[in-house]
Amino acid sequence: MKKLLTSSVLLIYIISTIFFCTSMADRTAEAGSGDETREVSATDVGVMCINTSYPSMGIMLADSRDNEEPQDSGDESQIETQPSEEPVVIGDDPLVLIVHTHATESYLPESGGNFHSKGEENTVRDVGNVLAEALEKQGIAVVHDKTLHDYPSYNSSYSRSYETTEKLLAEYPTVKCVIDLHRDAIASEAPAATVSVGGKTCARYSYVVSTGVSTYQSNLAFVKSLNKLASSEYSGFTGNVIERSYKYNQDLSSRYLLLEIGYNRNQIEDCRNTARIVGTVIGKVLKSGG
């Protein structure tokens, strides 16, 4: 009788898991304003299904929007962020702070570690360097923090990046804009989509805006002003706007950008090209008081 009961429970669990995964594949998520929608990607569905069945297996399959509301438990709360060099400061009285909640996220040709690398080259920190340079060319001073908040543990990355960001904002009170730079992820082995802008191949980009913070309206308004300028000056090369209820640390600034440049299967140079454009757009909007 006990064996039969166990088998029945297991069968029900398997069937419910399959139903959950199938239903999630058909859903779409809201994106930005208007009637645009963003389809749930294969990565989103895969991670959700794996985490439902085997929560401990999903960590390194995650994209930049996983672990949105991190909760420490057990020994996890004792894990410290990987030590990093001091932030790079470009110019006096910094106006922009660049951080990376998931600093090990990488692009092609760096595909090892399931597209995660402690080395800087070909990662979001690499793209962050280009973004900082583009801002500096606009006369915008920058602080670029390269702390590995997602190493040695991916869990609670947002908690650790919150502490870093809060500390740096206190240290550099002139900062008016925070950029948490990520990349997105796709499960397909096909190359990620690109677009030609000014004769250069560029990776697509997105803004993830939290609806669950008091700074929601100001953050969204800032994103809209960026897209307005990008639309007029870069042939409509704007960032997709994705609204989510999770906080993503966006309560720390009234101009907080969770910026996703490219995917794991984008070439690094395409992402650098996008960073140059986005950095120029951000710089111009900030200088105009937007």
Protein backbone atom coordinates (compact mmCIF):
# COMPACT_ATOMS: atom_id res chain seq x y z
CA MET A 1 0.00 0.00 0.00
CA LYS A 2 2.80 2.42 0.93
CA LYS A 3 4.64 1.63 -2.31
CA LEU A 4 1.47 2.26 -4.35
CA LEU A 5 0.89 5.59 -2.61
CA THR A 6 4.47 6.71 -3.29
CA SER A 7 4.17 5.79 -6.97
CA SER A 8 0.89 7.70 -7.27
CA VAL A 9 2.36 10.84 -5.71
CA LEU A 10 5.38 10.65 -8.02
CA LEU A 11 3.14 10.25 -11.09
CA ILE A 12 1.00 13.23 -10.10
CA TYR A 13 4.14 15.31 -9.55
CA ILE A 14 5.55 14.45 -13.00
CA ILE A 15 2.25 15.20 -14.75
CA SER A 16 1.84 18.55 -12.94
CA THR A 17 5.40 19.55 -13.81
CA ILE A 18 4.86 18.77 -17.51
CA PHE A 19 1.61 20.74 -17.46
CA PHE A 20 3.35 23.70 -15.83
CA CYS A 21 6.16 23.76 -18.40
CA THR A 22 3.74 23.43 -21.32
CA SER A 23 1.51 26.24 -20.07
CA MET A 24 4.45 28.56 -19.45
CA ALA A 25 5.67 28.11 -23.02
CA ASP A 26 2.46 29.75 -24.28
CA ARG A 27 2.60 32.80 -22.06
CA THR A 28 3.96 36.24 -22.90
CA ALA A 29 5.29 38.91 -20.62
CA GLU A 30 4.50 42.60 -20.77
CA ALA A 31 7.17 44.81 -22.25
CA GLY A 32 7.34 48.55 -21.76
CA SER A 33 4.35 50.66 -22.72
CA GLY A 34 1.77 50.46 -25.49
CA ASP A 35 0.76 47.18 -27.09
CA GLU A 36 4.22 45.64 -27.40
CA THR A 37 4.77 42.22 -25.81
CA ARG A 38 7.89 40.22 -25.12
CA GLU A 39 7.63 36.48 -25.63
CA VAL A 40 8.85 34.24 -22.86
CA SER A 41 12.13 32.90 -24.20
CA ALA A 42 13.26 29.29 -24.26
CA THR A 43 15.66 30.20 -21.47
CA ASP A 44 12.84 31.57 -19.30
CA VAL A 45 10.75 28.41 -19.76
CA GLY A 46 13.69 26.07 -19.32
CA VAL A 47 14.89 27.69 -16.14
CA MET A 48 11.38 27.78 -14.68
CA CYS A 49 10.80 24.11 -15.46
CA ILE A 50 14.16 22.99 -14.12
CA ASN A 51 13.81 25.08 -10.98
CA THR A 52 10.31 23.68 -10.42
CA SER A 53 11.49 20.07 -10.60
CA TYR A 54 15.04 20.38 -9.30
CA PRO A 55 15.66 23.84 -7.77
CA SER A 56 19.37 23.28 -7.16
CA MET A 57 20.09 22.63 -10.86
CA GLY A 58 18.91 25.98 -12.24
CA ILE A 59 21.54 28.40 -11.00
CA MET A 60 24.04 28.48 -13.86
CA LEU A 61 21.31 28.27 -16.54
CA ALA A 62 19.96 31.58 -15.31
CA ASP A 63 19.78 34.77 -17.29
CA SER A 64 20.14 38.26 -15.88
CA ARG A 65 16.66 38.32 -14.37
CA ASP A 66 16.99 35.24 -12.16
CA ASN A 67 17.26 35.47 -8.37
CA GLU A 68 15.20 38.66 -8.51
CA GLU A 69 14.17 38.55 -4.87
CA PRO A 70 17.16 36.81 -3.26
CA GLN A 71 16.67 35.27 0.15
CA ASP A 72 19.70 34.06 2.06
CA SER A 73 19.38 30.79 3.92
CA GLY A 74 21.78 28.65 5.86
CA ASP A 75 25.42 29.05 4.87
CA GLU A 76 24.47 31.21 1.84
CA SER A 77 24.29 34.30 4.04
CA GLN A 78 27.91 33.77 5.00
CA ILE A 79 29.24 33.73 1.44
CA GLU A 80 31.24 36.83 0.60
CA THR A 81 31.59 38.45 -2.79
CA GLN A 82 34.78 37.66 -4.68
CA PRO A 83 37.33 40.40 -3.84
CA SER A 84 37.80 42.95 -6.61
CA GLU A 85 40.10 45.84 -7.36
CA GLU A 86 38.98 49.36 -6.51
CA PRO A 87 36.35 50.85 -8.84
CA VAL A 88 37.69 52.65 -11.91
CA VAL A 89 36.92 56.35 -11.67
CA ILE A 90 36.98 58.40 -14.88
CA GLY A 91 36.89 62.17 -14.34
CA ASP A 92 35.94 64.35 -11.40
CA ASP A 93 32.57 64.44 -9.63
CA PRO A 94 31.16 61.25 -11.23
CA LEU A 95 27.64 61.50 -12.59
CA VAL A 96 27.20 57.81 -13.52
CA LEU A 97 27.88 54.61 -11.59
CA ILE A 98 28.21 51.34 -13.54
CA VAL A 99 27.88 48.07 -11.59
CA HIS A 100 27.33 44.43 -12.53
CA THR A 101 25.08 42.24 -10.41
CA HIS A 102 26.07 39.29 -12.62
CA ALA A 103 29.61 40.34 -13.47
CA THR A 104 30.73 36.95 -14.83
CA GLU A 105 28.19 36.92 -17.70
CA SER A 106 30.08 36.47 -20.97
CA TYR A 107 29.65 36.62 -24.74
CA LEU A 108 31.14 34.80 -27.69
CA PRO A 109 33.89 33.83 -28.22
CA GLU A 110 33.98 33.18 -24.43
CA SER A 111 31.51 30.30 -24.03
CA GLY A 112 33.16 28.34 -21.21
CA GLY A 113 31.48 27.93 -17.85
CA ASN A 114 28.06 28.08 -19.53
CA PHE A 115 28.85 31.63 -20.67
CA HIS A 116 30.26 32.81 -17.35
CA SER A 117 33.87 33.90 -16.83
CA LYS A 118 35.87 35.34 -13.95
CA GLY A 119 38.22 36.94 -16.46
CA GLU A 120 37.19 40.40 -17.67
CA GLU A 121 37.64 40.04 -21.43
CA ASN A 122 34.46 39.17 -23.36
CA THR A 123 32.20 39.73 -20.34
CA VAL A 124 29.73 42.42 -19.31
CA ARG A 125 32.63 44.16 -17.54
CA ASP A 126 34.37 44.38 -20.90
CA VAL A 127 31.25 45.99 -22.40
CA GLY A 128 31.03 48.21 -19.33
CA ASN A 129 34.49 49.58 -20.13
CA VAL A 130 33.26 50.65 -23.57
CA LEU A 131 30.10 52.15 -22.07
CA ALA A 132 32.21 54.15 -19.62
CA GLU A 133 34.47 55.42 -22.42
CA ALA A 134 31.46 56.53 -24.47
CA LEU A 135 30.10 58.47 -21.49
CA GLU A 136 33.49 60.05 -20.85
CA LYS A 137 33.59 61.28 -24.46
CA GLN A 138 30.35 63.11 -23.69
CA GLY A 139 32.03 64.79 -20.73
CA ILE A 140 30.31 62.52 -18.19
CA ALA A 141 32.50 61.34 -15.31
CA VAL A 142 31.99 57.67 -14.39
CA VAL A 143 32.62 55.17 -11.60
CA HIS A 144 32.88 51.62 -12.93
CA ASP A 145 32.71 48.87 -10.29
CA LYS A 146 33.72 45.38 -11.45
CA THR A 147 33.05 43.38 -8.30
CA LEU A 148 32.04 39.75 -8.97
CA HIS A 149 28.75 39.76 -7.09
CA ASP A 150 27.78 36.42 -8.64
CA TYR A 151 30.95 34.57 -7.63
CA PRO A 152 31.59 32.26 -5.84
CA SER A 153 27.80 32.02 -5.38
CA TYR A 154 25.18 33.09 -7.93
CA ASN A 155 22.41 33.13 -5.34
CA SER A 156 21.72 36.49 -3.67
CA SER A 157 23.78 38.39 -6.24
CA TYR A 158 21.32 41.26 -5.99
CA SER A 159 21.74 41.48 -2.22
CA ARG A 160 25.49 41.80 -2.61
CA SER A 161 25.31 44.31 -5.47
CA TYR A 162 22.83 46.36 -3.40
CA GLU A 163 25.42 46.70 -0.66
CA THR A 164 28.12 47.71 -3.14
CA THR A 165 25.91 50.25 -4.89
CA GLU A 166 24.69 51.77 -1.64
CA LYS A 167 28.28 52.14 -0.44
CA LEU A 168 29.48 53.75 -3.67
CA LEU A 169 26.54 56.16 -3.78
CA ALA A 170 27.53 57.33 -0.30
CA GLU A 171 31.16 57.64 -1.39
CA TYR A 172 30.30 59.50 -4.60
CA PRO A 173 27.26 61.68 -3.79
CA THR A 174 27.45 63.43 -7.19
CA VAL A 175 26.20 60.26 -8.96
CA LYS A 176 22.78 60.82 -10.52
CA CYS A 177 22.45 57.67 -12.63
CA VAL A 178 23.12 54.01 -11.79
CA ILE A 179 23.55 51.43 -14.56
CA ASP A 180 23.44 47.73 -13.66
CA LEU A 181 24.83 46.23 -16.87
CA HIS A 182 23.87 42.66 -17.83
CA ARG A 183 23.40 40.50 -20.87
CA ASP A 184 20.40 38.32 -21.64
CA ALA A 185 20.54 34.61 -22.52
CA ILE A 186 19.00 32.26 -25.07
CA ALA A 187 19.00 28.47 -25.05
CA SER A 188 19.26 28.12 -28.83
CA GLU A 189 22.66 27.51 -30.39
CA ALA A 190 21.80 29.85 -33.27
CA PRO A 191 23.54 33.25 -33.33
CA ALA A 192 21.66 36.00 -31.52
CA ALA A 193 19.94 38.63 -33.64
CA THR A 194 21.81 41.80 -34.57
CA VAL A 195 21.01 45.05 -36.33
CA SER A 196 23.11 47.31 -38.55
CA VAL A 197 23.47 50.87 -37.26
CA GLY A 198 25.67 53.34 -39.09
CA GLY A 199 27.29 50.50 -40.98
CA LYS A 200 28.24 48.59 -37.84
CA THR A 201 26.75 45.35 -36.54
CA CYS A 202 25.15 45.88 -33.13
CA ALA A 203 23.59 43.58 -30.57
CA ARG A 204 20.05 44.36 -29.49
CA TYR A 205 19.47 45.76 -26.00
CA SER A 206 16.73 46.05 -23.37
CA TYR A 207 15.79 47.98 -20.26
CA VAL A 208 14.21 46.08 -17.38
CA VAL A 209 12.11 48.44 -15.27
CA SER A 210 10.86 47.52 -11.81
CA THR A 211 7.23 48.37 -11.10
CA GLY A 212 7.69 47.47 -7.43
CA VAL A 213 9.74 50.46 -6.25
CA SER A 214 8.93 54.07 -5.38
CA THR A 215 11.24 55.25 -8.18
CA TYR A 216 9.29 53.38 -10.87
CA GLN A 217 7.84 56.45 -12.58
CA SER A 218 11.12 58.38 -12.66
CA ASN A 219 13.07 55.34 -13.89
CA LEU A 220 10.52 54.68 -16.62
CA ALA A 221 10.52 58.34 -17.67
CA PHE A 222 14.31 58.24 -17.94
CA VAL A 223 14.17 55.13 -20.14
CA LYS A 224 11.56 56.76 -22.37
CA SER A 225 13.75 59.83 -22.80
CA LEU A 226 16.67 57.60 -23.81
CA ASN A 227 14.56 55.75 -26.37
CA LYS A 228 13.20 59.01 -27.75
CA LEU A 229 16.71 60.28 -28.46
CA ALA A 230 17.91 56.91 -29.78
CA SER A 231 14.92 56.73 -32.11
CA SER A 232 15.64 60.10 -33.66
CA GLU A 233 19.43 59.90 -33.86
CA TYR A 234 20.07 56.18 -34.45
CA SER A 235 17.42 55.13 -36.95
CA GLY A 236 15.04 53.73 -34.36
CA PHE A 237 17.69 51.66 -32.57
CA THR A 238 15.90 51.72 -29.23
CA GLY A 239 15.92 49.40 -26.24
CA ASN A 240 13.05 47.01 -25.61
CA VAL A 241 11.31 47.97 -22.34
CA ILE A 242 10.43 45.08 -20.02
CA GLU A 243 8.42 45.82 -16.89
CA ARG A 244 8.68 43.44 -13.95
CA SER A 245 7.42 43.60 -10.35
CA TYR A 246 10.75 42.59 -8.78
CA LYS A 247 12.85 45.36 -7.25
CA TYR A 248 16.27 44.79 -8.86
CA ASN A 249 17.75 47.37 -6.43
CA GLN A 250 16.10 50.14 -8.45
CA ASP A 251 14.94 51.97 -5.34
CA LEU A 252 18.53 53.20 -4.94
CA SER A 253 18.23 55.89 -7.62
CA SER A 254 15.61 57.88 -9.51
CA ARG A 255 17.62 57.19 -12.67
CA TYR A 256 18.38 53.50 -12.29
CA LEU A 257 18.89 51.44 -15.43
CA LEU A 258 18.96 47.66 -15.53
CA LEU A 259 20.50 47.55 -18.98
CA GLU A 260 20.83 44.29 -20.89
CA ILE A 261 23.15 44.50 -23.88
CA GLY A 262 23.03 41.47 -26.16
CA TYR A 263 22.79 37.77 -25.44
CA ASN A 264 25.23 35.04 -24.53
CA ARG A 265 25.43 34.11 -28.23
CA ASN A 266 26.25 37.58 -29.46
CA GLN A 267 29.82 38.31 -30.50
CA ILE A 268 31.56 40.61 -28.03
CA GLU A 269 32.36 43.22 -30.70
CA ASP A 270 28.66 43.58 -31.57
CA CYS A 271 27.96 44.29 -27.89
CA ARG A 272 30.79 46.81 -27.71
CA ASN A 273 29.29 48.61 -30.70
CA THR A 274 25.94 48.80 -28.93
CA ALA A 275 27.59 50.09 -25.76
CA ARG A 276 29.15 52.97 -27.69
CA ILE A 277 25.75 54.03 -29.00
CA VAL A 278 23.90 53.58 -25.71
CA GLY A 279 26.65 55.40 -23.82
CA THR A 280 26.40 58.33 -26.20
CA VAL A 281 22.61 58.43 -25.81
CA ILE A 282 22.77 58.29 -22.01
CA GLY A 283 25.40 61.03 -21.94
CA LYS A 284 23.38 63.37 -24.15
CA VAL A 285 20.18 62.88 -22.15
CA LEU A 286 21.97 63.47 -18.83
CA LYS A 287 23.63 66.62 -20.18
CA SER A 288 20.25 67.90 -21.33
CA GLY A 289 18.85 67.42 -17.82
CA GLY A 290 16.69 64.44 -18.74
